[in-house]
Protein backbone atom coordinates (compact mmCIF):
# COMPACT_ATOMS: atom_id res chain seq x y z
CA MET A 1 98.52 98.03 67.34
CA ALA A 2 99.01 95.92 70.71
CA VAL A 3 98.44 98.16 73.92
CA VAL A 4 102.09 98.15 75.75
CA PHE A 5 100.63 100.08 78.99
CA LYS A 6 97.45 101.42 80.32
CA LYS A 7 96.79 103.42 83.46
CA PRO A 8 95.69 101.41 86.36
CA SER A 9 91.88 101.50 87.20
CA THR A 10 92.74 102.54 90.46
CA LEU A 11 93.82 105.86 89.55
CA THR A 12 91.88 109.23 89.07
CA ASP A 13 92.11 111.32 85.88
CA ALA A 14 93.47 114.17 87.82
CA PRO A 15 96.80 115.81 86.71
CA LEU A 16 99.54 115.35 89.52
CA HIS A 17 100.60 118.56 91.04
CA TYR A 18 104.35 117.13 92.12
CA CYS A 19 107.28 119.03 91.03
CA PRO A 20 109.61 117.51 88.10
CA GLY A 21 111.80 115.03 88.82
CA CYS A 22 109.84 113.98 92.29
CA THR A 23 109.00 110.39 92.41
CA HIS A 24 105.33 110.67 94.15
CA GLY A 25 103.80 110.06 90.80
CA ILE A 26 105.63 106.96 89.97
CA ILE A 27 105.13 105.72 93.27
CA HIS A 28 101.34 106.12 93.01
CA ARG A 29 101.32 104.26 89.36
CA LEU A 30 103.11 101.37 91.30
CA VAL A 31 100.68 101.40 94.18
CA ALA A 32 97.74 101.40 91.67
CA GLU A 33 99.20 98.35 89.65
CA ALA A 34 99.78 96.63 92.49
CA ILE A 35 96.46 96.98 94.15
CA GLU A 36 94.74 95.83 90.71
CA GLU A 37 96.97 93.08 90.31
CA LEU A 38 96.09 91.84 93.63
CA GLY A 39 92.64 92.19 93.18
CA ILE A 40 92.06 94.20 96.35
CA ASP A 41 90.41 97.34 94.88
CA GLY A 42 87.41 97.62 97.16
CA LYS A 43 89.22 96.47 100.00
CA THR A 44 91.83 98.79 100.35
CA VAL A 45 92.01 102.09 102.31
CA GLY A 46 94.69 104.60 101.72
CA VAL A 47 96.40 106.45 104.84
CA ALA A 48 98.30 109.66 103.71
CA SER A 49 100.63 111.71 106.28
CA VAL A 50 101.03 115.70 105.84
CA GLY A 51 102.92 117.52 103.28
CA CYS A 52 102.59 116.70 99.47
CA SER A 53 101.88 113.25 99.85
CA VAL A 54 98.41 114.43 101.19
CA MET A 55 97.28 115.05 97.83
CA CYS A 56 97.07 111.30 97.12
CA TYR A 57 93.65 111.63 98.02
CA ASP A 58 92.94 113.42 94.70
CA TYR A 59 94.73 110.62 92.73
CA PHE A 60 93.32 107.36 94.23
CA LYS A 61 89.76 105.37 93.55
CA ILE A 62 90.03 103.84 97.29
CA GLY A 63 89.08 104.41 100.33
CA ARG A 64 90.73 107.28 102.48
CA ALA A 65 91.99 108.20 105.60
CA SER A 66 94.76 110.84 106.87
CA CYS A 67 96.68 111.09 109.89
CA ARG A 68 98.84 113.58 111.76
CA GLU A 69 102.29 113.62 112.31
């Protein structure tokens, strides 16, 4: 059977903690797909703000930094 969809290699296997209906998980997948398609894995640094988006550190296999509001 042909593979129709696979998880981007830049995402970890950690289960998402976001609330039902929240779009953070979708955005994470789209960003991870873009990183993979552009071939910039290893050259990418993620910066997250405070709040639930800061948990993205558990989900991406990229360099990370945090910032304050």
